[in-house]
């Protein structure tokens, strides 16, 4: 802007300089071309000043435009990242499913129900001493039920299914496992009877993609999920490691 002010000051000074005569100098013959020369010079300077100002303004506009585009790109990336992250309600549902399908949960509920029944009987005075305490003590403890050939899982964590996600029923689960005769390998597939379809579609990144390859894209109009080829998992410690993903199709 300092250069623009200097040029503007020069433009305003030109007519004054043109009319100023040295004191005591002889009059110089005027010509009709002199005013025309100064007019053209003034016009050229005005045009030059206008071009210079336009160049400055255009540069600032381009810089602001690039900054705005960069902000738009960053904002879109942020929105995409937020959309991919599970919300609080989704995390709560995942925790509830893990707790509900924990292998110790069913035994704990049975013990609580037995204690409640005994307390009620004591309050009503119906409790009677056990006539054969020695016989009960001699009876062997109830053994745990052997592992069934078929069981259910909630969802994988990374590349494996934790043993804590195992369930004997399909309620609140997503995958069905069929154990092979060697007891360390199992074929698994997706089933849709344990959770609402809209919930499965809304959580595809967490529930489906870690353990399945997709033949087509999921949409809100999907009514069921069909397993074209089952996946393979291998038992290693307390984890069922995914060795081969299942192939599924949305219908």
C-alpha atoms as a PDB file:
ATOM      1  CA  UNK A   1       0.000   0.000   0.000  1.00  0.00           C
ATOM      2  CA  UNK A   2       2.980   2.322   0.476  1.00  0.00           C
ATOM      3  CA  UNK A   3       3.768   2.061  -3.253  1.00  0.00           C
ATOM      4  CA  UNK A   4       0.150   2.801  -4.119  1.00  0.00           C
ATOM      5  CA  UNK A   5       0.184   5.953  -1.933  1.00  0.00           C
ATOM      6  CA  UNK A   6       3.448   7.099  -3.541  1.00  0.00           C
ATOM      7  CA  UNK A   7       2.026   6.665  -7.057  1.00  0.00           C
ATOM      8  CA  UNK A   8      -1.169   8.482  -6.091  1.00  0.00           C
ATOM      9  CA  UNK A   9       0.839  11.379  -4.635  1.00  0.00           C
ATOM     10  CA  UNK A  10       2.864  11.587  -7.870  1.00  0.00           C
ATOM     11  CA  UNK A  11      -0.313  11.711  -9.931  1.00  0.00           C
ATOM     12  CA  UNK A  12      -1.712  14.574  -7.878  1.00  0.00           C
ATOM     13  CA  UNK A  13       1.571  16.492  -8.118  1.00  0.00           C
ATOM     14  CA  UNK A  14       1.952  16.305 -11.895  1.00  0.00           C
ATOM     15  CA  UNK A  15      -0.519  19.086 -12.800  1.00  0.00           C
ATOM     16  CA  UNK A  16       1.047  21.365 -10.217  1.00  0.00           C
ATOM     17  CA  UNK A  17       4.551  20.747 -11.545  1.00  0.00           C
ATOM     18  CA  UNK A  18       3.353  21.264 -15.065  1.00  0.00           C
ATOM     19  CA  UNK A  19       2.005  24.765 -14.262  1.00  0.00           C
ATOM     20  CA  UNK A  20       4.976  25.928 -12.107  1.00  0.00           C
ATOM     21  CA  UNK A  21       7.492  28.239 -13.867  1.00  0.00           C
ATOM     22  CA  UNK A  22      10.944  29.207 -12.631  1.00  0.00           C
ATOM     23  CA  UNK A  23      11.126  32.806 -11.405  1.00  0.00           C
ATOM     24  CA  UNK A  24      12.731  35.182 -13.885  1.00  0.00           C
ATOM     25  CA  UNK A  25      12.744  32.662 -16.706  1.00  0.00           C
ATOM     26  CA  UNK A  26      11.735  33.637 -20.160  1.00  0.00           C
ATOM     27  CA  UNK A  27       8.316  32.487 -21.249  1.00  0.00           C
ATOM     28  CA  UNK A  28       8.435  29.311 -23.250  1.00  0.00           C
ATOM     29  CA  UNK A  29       6.280  28.889 -26.260  1.00  0.00           C
ATOM     30  CA  UNK A  30       3.347  26.682 -25.429  1.00  0.00           C
ATOM     31  CA  UNK A  31       2.076  24.029 -27.727  1.00  0.00           C
ATOM     32  CA  UNK A  32      -1.185  22.179 -27.923  1.00  0.00           C
ATOM     33  CA  UNK A  33       0.721  18.875 -27.621  1.00  0.00           C
ATOM     34  CA  UNK A  34       2.058  19.596 -24.105  1.00  0.00           C
ATOM     35  CA  UNK A  35      -1.292  19.276 -22.288  1.00  0.00           C
ATOM     36  CA  UNK A  36      -2.009  16.156 -24.338  1.00  0.00           C
ATOM     37  CA  UNK A  37       1.290  14.604 -23.250  1.00  0.00           C
ATOM     38  CA  UNK A  38       0.565  15.187 -19.563  1.00  0.00           C
ATOM     39  CA  UNK A  39      -2.964  13.864 -19.995  1.00  0.00           C
ATOM     40  CA  UNK A  40      -1.687  10.639 -21.571  1.00  0.00           C
ATOM     41  CA  UNK A  41       0.973  10.281 -18.881  1.00  0.00           C
ATOM     42  CA  UNK A  42      -1.630  10.807 -16.167  1.00  0.00           C
ATOM     43  CA  UNK A  43      -3.939   8.265 -17.813  1.00  0.00           C
ATOM     44  CA  UNK A  44      -1.103   5.717 -18.080  1.00  0.00           C
ATOM     45  CA  UNK A  45      -0.237   6.151 -14.405  1.00  0.00           C
ATOM     46  CA  UNK A  46      -3.890   5.766 -13.410  1.00  0.00           C
ATOM     47  CA  UNK A  47      -4.139   2.564 -15.433  1.00  0.00           C
ATOM     48  CA  UNK A  48      -0.892   1.291 -13.923  1.00  0.00           C
ATOM     49  CA  UNK A  49      -2.143   2.053 -10.421  1.00  0.00           C
ATOM     50  CA  UNK A  50      -5.403   0.253 -11.158  1.00  0.00           C
ATOM     51  CA  UNK A  51      -3.565  -2.825 -12.457  1.00  0.00           C
ATOM     52  CA  UNK A  52      -1.296  -2.832  -9.408  1.00  0.00           C
ATOM     53  CA  UNK A  53      -4.238  -2.597  -6.989  1.00  0.00           C
ATOM     54  CA  UNK A  54      -6.120  -5.307  -8.906  1.00  0.00           C
ATOM     55  CA  UNK A  55      -3.029  -7.576  -8.709  1.00  0.00           C
ATOM     56  CA  UNK A  56      -2.810  -7.079  -4.921  1.00  0.00           C
ATOM     57  CA  UNK A  57      -6.540  -7.700  -4.366  1.00  0.00           C
ATOM     58  CA  UNK A  58      -6.505 -10.741  -6.668  1.00  0.00           C
ATOM     59  CA  UNK A  59      -3.569 -12.251  -4.751  1.00  0.00           C
ATOM     60  CA  UNK A  60      -5.342 -11.837  -1.422  1.00  0.00           C
ATOM     61  CA  UNK A  61      -8.545 -13.327  -2.818  1.00  0.00           C
ATOM     62  CA  UNK A  62      -6.657 -16.379  -4.118  1.00  0.00           C
ATOM     63  CA  UNK A  63      -4.955 -16.848  -0.748  1.00  0.00           C
ATOM     64  CA  UNK A  64      -8.286 -16.606   1.111  1.00  0.00           C
ATOM     65  CA  UNK A  65      -9.866 -19.014  -1.370  1.00  0.00           C
ATOM     66  CA  UNK A  66      -7.126 -21.625  -0.749  1.00  0.00           C
ATOM     67  CA  UNK A  67      -7.520 -21.234   3.016  1.00  0.00           C
ATOM     68  CA  UNK A  68     -11.300 -21.725   2.759  1.00  0.00           C
ATOM     69  CA  UNK A  69     -10.864 -24.882   0.633  1.00  0.00           C
ATOM     70  CA  UNK A  70      -8.349 -26.275   3.151  1.00  0.00           C
ATOM     71  CA  UNK A  71     -10.788 -25.630   6.014  1.00  0.00           C
ATOM     72  CA  UNK A  72     -13.605 -27.343   4.087  1.00  0.00           C
ATOM     73  CA  UNK A  73     -11.384 -30.403   3.488  1.00  0.00           C
ATOM     74  CA  UNK A  74     -10.391 -30.640   7.156  1.00  0.00           C
ATOM     75  CA  UNK A  75     -14.028 -30.230   8.284  1.00  0.00           C
ATOM     76  CA  UNK A  76     -15.234 -32.984   5.913  1.00  0.00           C
ATOM     77  CA  UNK A  77     -12.507 -35.351   7.136  1.00  0.00           C
ATOM     78  CA  UNK A  78     -13.481 -34.606  10.736  1.00  0.00           C
ATOM     79  CA  UNK A  79     -17.164 -35.323  10.042  1.00  0.00           C
ATOM     80  CA  UNK A  80     -16.246 -38.612   8.349  1.00  0.00           C
ATOM     81  CA  UNK A  81     -14.092 -39.693  11.289  1.00  0.00           C
ATOM     82  CA  UNK A  82     -16.845 -38.820  13.791  1.00  0.00           C
ATOM     83  CA  UNK A  83     -19.438 -40.745  11.733  1.00  0.00           C
ATOM     84  CA  UNK A  84     -17.264 -43.886  11.759  1.00  0.00           C
ATOM     85  CA  UNK A  85     -16.794 -43.894  15.502  1.00  0.00           C
ATOM     86  CA  UNK A  86     -19.398 -45.779  17.555  1.00  0.00           C
ATOM     87  CA  UNK A  87     -21.641 -43.635  19.743  1.00  0.00           C
ATOM     88  CA  UNK A  88     -22.259 -43.972  23.443  1.00  0.00           C
ATOM     89  CA  UNK A  89     -25.431 -46.027  22.925  1.00  0.00           C
ATOM     90  CA  UNK A  90     -23.595 -48.465  20.642  1.00  0.00           C
ATOM     91  CA  UNK A  91     -20.783 -48.970  23.182  1.00  0.00           C
ATOM     92  CA  UNK A  92     -23.390 -49.505  25.918  1.00  0.00           C
ATOM     93  CA  UNK A  93     -25.117 -52.187  23.823  1.00  0.00           C
ATOM     94  CA  UNK A  94     -21.794 -53.946  23.195  1.00  0.00           C
ATOM     95  CA  UNK A  95     -21.009 -54.032  26.919  1.00  0.00           C
ATOM     96  CA  UNK A  96     -24.513 -55.336  27.731  1.00  0.00           C
ATOM     97  CA  UNK A  97     -24.148 -58.106  25.156  1.00  0.00           C
ATOM     98  CA  UNK A  98     -20.772 -59.173  26.590  1.00  0.00           C
ATOM     99  CA  UNK A  99     -22.137 -59.239  30.153  1.00  0.00           C
ATOM    100  CA  UNK A 100     -25.313 -61.103  29.162  1.00  0.00           C
ATOM    101  CA  UNK A 101     -23.337 -63.819  27.346  1.00  0.00           C
ATOM    102  CA  UNK A 102     -20.591 -64.321  29.937  1.00  0.00           C
ATOM    103  CA  UNK A 103     -20.390 -68.064  30.858  1.00  0.00           C
ATOM    104  CA  UNK A 104     -20.540 -67.320  34.613  1.00  0.00           C
ATOM    105  CA  UNK A 105     -23.607 -65.119  34.386  1.00  0.00           C
ATOM    106  CA  UNK A 106     -26.112 -67.979  34.105  1.00  0.00           C
ATOM    107  CA  UNK A 107     -24.672 -69.846  37.130  1.00  0.00           C
ATOM    108  CA  UNK A 108     -24.735 -66.656  39.202  1.00  0.00           C
ATOM    109  CA  UNK A 109     -28.397 -66.051  38.381  1.00  0.00           C
ATOM    110  CA  UNK A 110     -29.283 -69.628  39.404  1.00  0.00           C
ATOM    111  CA  UNK A 111     -27.493 -69.221  42.750  1.00  0.00           C
ATOM    112  CA  UNK A 112     -29.265 -65.918  43.411  1.00  0.00           C
ATOM    113  CA  UNK A 113     -32.660 -67.450  42.625  1.00  0.00           C
ATOM    114  CA  UNK A 114     -31.937 -70.397  44.964  1.00  0.00           C
ATOM    115  CA  UNK A 115     -30.984 -68.038  47.807  1.00  0.00           C
ATOM    116  CA  UNK A 116     -34.142 -65.972  47.287  1.00  0.00           C
ATOM    117  CA  UNK A 117     -36.294 -69.119  47.398  1.00  0.00           C
ATOM    118  CA  UNK A 118     -34.623 -70.314  50.607  1.00  0.00           C
ATOM    119  CA  UNK A 119     -35.052 -66.913  52.288  1.00  0.00           C
ATOM    120  CA  UNK A 120     -38.743 -66.878  51.383  1.00  0.00           C
ATOM    121  CA  UNK A 121     -39.219 -70.345  52.844  1.00  0.00           C
ATOM    122  CA  UNK A 122     -37.469 -69.304  56.085  1.00  0.00           C
ATOM    123  CA  UNK A 123     -39.698 -66.239  56.420  1.00  0.00           C
ATOM    124  CA  UNK A 124     -42.882 -68.311  56.012  1.00  0.00           C
ATOM    125  CA  UNK A 125     -41.662 -71.002  58.488  1.00  0.00           C
ATOM    126  CA  UNK A 126     -41.833 -73.790  55.924  1.00  0.00           C
ATOM    127  CA  UNK A 127     -38.151 -74.615  56.105  1.00  0.00           C
ATOM    128  CA  UNK A 128     -37.431 -78.045  57.525  1.00  0.00           C
ATOM    129  CA  UNK A 129     -34.090 -79.610  58.450  1.00  0.00           C
ATOM    130  CA  UNK A 130     -32.711 -81.877  55.821  1.00  0.00           C
ATOM    131  CA  UNK A 131     -33.210 -85.471  57.013  1.00  0.00           C
ATOM    132  CA  UNK A 132     -30.289 -86.839  54.984  1.00  0.00           C
ATOM    133  CA  UNK A 133     -27.431 -84.336  55.246  1.00  0.00           C
ATOM    134  CA  UNK A 134     -24.793 -87.063  54.929  1.00  0.00           C
ATOM    135  CA  UNK A 135     -26.330 -88.274  51.709  1.00  0.00           C
ATOM    136  CA  UNK A 136     -26.205 -84.798  50.205  1.00  0.00           C
ATOM    137  CA  UNK A 137     -22.579 -84.400  51.178  1.00  0.00           C
ATOM    138  CA  UNK A 138     -21.709 -87.739  49.637  1.00  0.00           C
ATOM    139  CA  UNK A 139     -23.383 -86.857  46.357  1.00  0.00           C
ATOM    140  CA  UNK A 140     -20.881 -85.738  43.723  1.00  0.00           C
ATOM    141  CA  UNK A 141     -20.942 -82.126  42.734  1.00  0.00           C
ATOM    142  CA  UNK A 142     -22.796 -81.243  39.620  1.00  0.00           C
ATOM    143  CA  UNK A 143     -20.353 -81.317  36.756  1.00  0.00           C
ATOM    144  CA  UNK A 144     -20.335 -78.604  34.195  1.00  0.00           C
ATOM    145  CA  UNK A 145     -22.102 -79.359  30.998  1.00  0.00           C
ATOM    146  CA  UNK A 146     -19.724 -80.455  28.257  1.00  0.00           C
ATOM    147  CA  UNK A 147     -19.093 -78.029  25.461  1.00  0.00           C
ATOM    148  CA  UNK A 148     -21.727 -78.393  22.785  1.00  0.00           C
ATOM    149  CA  UNK A 149     -20.888 -78.891  19.156  1.00  0.00           C
ATOM    150  CA  UNK A 150     -22.695 -75.669  18.302  1.00  0.00           C
ATOM    151  CA  UNK A 151     -22.517 -72.354  20.134  1.00  0.00           C
ATOM    152  CA  UNK A 152     -22.936 -68.635  19.418  1.00  0.00           C
ATOM    153  CA  UNK A 153     -20.760 -65.521  19.590  1.00  0.00           C
ATOM    154  CA  UNK A 154     -21.428 -61.780  19.758  1.00  0.00           C
ATOM    155  CA  UNK A 155     -18.839 -59.940  17.628  1.00  0.00           C
ATOM    156  CA  UNK A 156     -15.073 -60.167  17.051  1.00  0.00           C
ATOM    157  CA  UNK A 157     -12.439 -57.973  18.645  1.00  0.00           C
ATOM    158  CA  UNK A 158      -9.849 -57.333  15.965  1.00  0.00           C
ATOM    159  CA  UNK A 159      -8.958 -60.720  14.448  1.00  0.00           C
ATOM    160  CA  UNK A 160     -10.440 -62.994  17.128  1.00  0.00           C
ATOM    161  CA  UNK A 161     -13.558 -63.847  19.125  1.00  0.00           C
ATOM    162  CA  UNK A 162     -12.989 -63.709  22.916  1.00  0.00           C
ATOM    163  CA  UNK A 163     -14.154 -66.781  24.823  1.00  0.00           C
ATOM    164  CA  UNK A 164     -16.160 -64.439  27.072  1.00  0.00           C
ATOM    165  CA  UNK A 165     -18.414 -63.645  24.098  1.00  0.00           C
ATOM    166  CA  UNK A 166     -19.563 -67.286  23.875  1.00  0.00           C
ATOM    167  CA  UNK A 167     -23.223 -68.184  24.446  1.00  0.00           C
ATOM    168  CA  UNK A 168     -25.279 -71.377  24.323  1.00  0.00           C
ATOM    169  CA  UNK A 169     -28.264 -69.463  22.905  1.00  0.00           C
ATOM    170  CA  UNK A 170     -28.508 -67.215  19.895  1.00  0.00           C
ATOM    171  CA  UNK A 171     -30.112 -64.304  21.782  1.00  0.00           C
ATOM    172  CA  UNK A 172     -28.017 -61.122  21.605  1.00  0.00           C
ATOM    173  CA  UNK A 173     -25.481 -62.832  19.338  1.00  0.00           C
ATOM    174  CA  UNK A 174     -24.438 -62.461  15.688  1.00  0.00           C
ATOM    175  CA  UNK A 175     -22.336 -65.537  14.788  1.00  0.00           C
ATOM    176  CA  UNK A 176     -23.042 -69.261  14.894  1.00  0.00           C
ATOM    177  CA  UNK A 177     -20.082 -71.617  15.479  1.00  0.00           C
ATOM    178  CA  UNK A 178     -19.958 -75.318  14.542  1.00  0.00           C
ATOM    179  CA  UNK A 179     -17.040 -77.126  16.208  1.00  0.00           C
ATOM    180  CA  UNK A 180     -15.106 -79.648  14.136  1.00  0.00           C
ATOM    181  CA  UNK A 181     -14.269 -83.124  15.557  1.00  0.00           C
ATOM    182  CA  UNK A 182     -10.774 -82.020  16.605  1.00  0.00           C
ATOM    183  CA  UNK A 183     -12.418 -79.553  19.056  1.00  0.00           C
ATOM    184  CA  UNK A 184      -9.907 -76.803  18.180  1.00  0.00           C
ATOM    185  CA  UNK A 185     -11.356 -75.649  14.851  1.00  0.00           C
ATOM    186  CA  UNK A 186     -14.807 -74.277  14.139  1.00  0.00           C
ATOM    187  CA  UNK A 187     -16.717 -73.042  11.114  1.00  0.00           C
ATOM    188  CA  UNK A 188     -18.692 -69.843  11.722  1.00  0.00           C
ATOM    189  CA  UNK A 189     -21.426 -67.970   9.894  1.00  0.00           C
ATOM    190  CA  UNK A 190     -23.581 -64.884  10.414  1.00  0.00           C
ATOM    191  CA  UNK A 191     -27.125 -65.240  11.704  1.00  0.00           C
ATOM    192  CA  UNK A 192     -29.701 -62.457  12.085  1.00  0.00           C
ATOM    193  CA  UNK A 193     -31.936 -63.893  14.812  1.00  0.00           C
ATOM    194  CA  UNK A 194     -30.044 -62.442  17.758  1.00  0.00           C
ATOM    195  CA  UNK A 195     -30.071 -58.690  17.029  1.00  0.00           C
ATOM    196  CA  UNK A 196     -32.233 -56.198  15.053  1.00  0.00           C
ATOM    197  CA  UNK A 197     -31.241 -55.880  11.410  1.00  0.00           C
ATOM    198  CA  UNK A 198     -30.994 -52.084  11.581  1.00  0.00           C
ATOM    199  CA  UNK A 199     -28.531 -52.399  14.459  1.00  0.00           C
ATOM    200  CA  UNK A 200     -26.379 -54.836  12.470  1.00  0.00           C
ATOM    201  CA  UNK A 201     -26.364 -52.554   9.424  1.00  0.00           C
ATOM    202  CA  UNK A 202     -25.584 -49.507  11.547  1.00  0.00           C
ATOM    203  CA  UNK A 203     -22.593 -51.259  13.157  1.00  0.00           C
ATOM    204  CA  UNK A 204     -21.170 -53.062  10.095  1.00  0.00           C
ATOM    205  CA  UNK A 205     -17.674 -51.731  10.775  1.00  0.00           C
ATOM    206  CA  UNK A 206     -17.661 -53.311  14.256  1.00  0.00           C
ATOM    207  CA  UNK A 207     -19.947 -56.356  13.946  1.00  0.00           C
ATOM    208  CA  UNK A 208     -19.422 -57.665  10.384  1.00  0.00           C
ATOM    209  CA  UNK A 209     -16.308 -56.467   8.555  1.00  0.00           C
ATOM    210  CA  UNK A 210     -13.660 -57.773  11.019  1.00  0.00           C
ATOM    211  CA  UNK A 211     -14.832 -61.364  10.398  1.00  0.00           C
ATOM    212  CA  UNK A 212     -16.497 -61.260   6.963  1.00  0.00           C
ATOM    213  CA  UNK A 213     -15.819 -60.367   3.345  1.00  0.00           C
ATOM    214  CA  UNK A 214     -18.813 -58.757   1.576  1.00  0.00           C
ATOM    215  CA  UNK A 215     -20.127 -59.571  -1.886  1.00  0.00           C
ATOM    216  CA  UNK A 216     -22.140 -56.339  -2.031  1.00  0.00           C
ATOM    217  CA  UNK A 217     -22.657 -53.126  -0.112  1.00  0.00           C
ATOM    218  CA  UNK A 218     -25.021 -52.833   2.861  1.00  0.00           C
ATOM    219  CA  UNK A 219     -27.979 -50.420   2.756  1.00  0.00           C
ATOM    220  CA  UNK A 220     -30.944 -49.498   4.926  1.00  0.00           C
ATOM    221  CA  UNK A 221     -33.204 -51.726   2.760  1.00  0.00           C
ATOM    222  CA  UNK A 222     -31.355 -54.951   3.712  1.00  0.00           C
ATOM    223  CA  UNK A 223     -33.713 -57.587   5.152  1.00  0.00           C
ATOM    224  CA  UNK A 224     -31.269 -60.424   5.875  1.00  0.00           C
ATOM    225  CA  UNK A 225     -27.604 -61.472   5.659  1.00  0.00           C
ATOM    226  CA  UNK A 226     -26.749 -64.725   3.867  1.00  0.00           C
ATOM    227  CA  UNK A 227     -23.451 -66.566   4.442  1.00  0.00           C
ATOM    228  CA  UNK A 228     -22.153 -67.769   1.073  1.00  0.00           C
ATOM    229  CA  UNK A 229     -19.056 -69.434   2.553  1.00  0.00           C
ATOM    230  CA  UNK A 230     -18.440 -70.029   6.275  1.00  0.00           C
ATOM    231  CA  UNK A 231     -15.342 -68.710   7.968  1.00  0.00           C
ATOM    232  CA  UNK A 232     -12.762 -70.679   9.955  1.00  0.00           C
ATOM    233  CA  UNK A 233     -11.620 -69.987  13.540  1.00  0.00           C
ATOM    234  CA  UNK A 234      -8.982 -71.836  15.594  1.00  0.00           C
ATOM    235  CA  UNK A 235      -9.032 -72.044  19.402  1.00  0.00           C
ATOM    236  CA  UNK A 236      -5.839 -70.678  20.916  1.00  0.00           C
ATOM    237  CA  UNK A 237      -5.979 -70.249  24.691  1.00  0.00           C
ATOM    238  CA  UNK A 238      -9.052 -68.133  25.474  1.00  0.00           C
ATOM    239  CA  UNK A 239      -9.464 -66.827  21.918  1.00  0.00           C
ATOM    240  CA  UNK A 240     -10.984 -68.142  18.709  1.00  0.00           C
ATOM    241  CA  UNK A 241      -8.531 -66.726  16.163  1.00  0.00           C
ATOM    242  CA  UNK A 242     -10.018 -65.929  12.734  1.00  0.00           C
ATOM    243  CA  UNK A 243      -8.033 -67.872  10.133  1.00  0.00           C
ATOM    244  CA  UNK A 244     -10.408 -67.328   7.228  1.00  0.00           C
ATOM    245  CA  UNK A 245     -13.172 -64.753   6.955  1.00  0.00           C
ATOM    246  CA  UNK A 246     -16.704 -65.749   6.039  1.00  0.00           C
ATOM    247  CA  UNK A 247     -18.173 -64.580   2.721  1.00  0.00           C
ATOM    248  CA  UNK A 248     -21.586 -62.902   3.099  1.00  0.00           C
ATOM    249  CA  UNK A 249     -24.204 -61.241   0.923  1.00  0.00           C
ATOM    250  CA  UNK A 250     -26.791 -58.590   1.904  1.00  0.00           C
ATOM    251  CA  UNK A 251     -30.308 -59.236   0.635  1.00  0.00           C
END
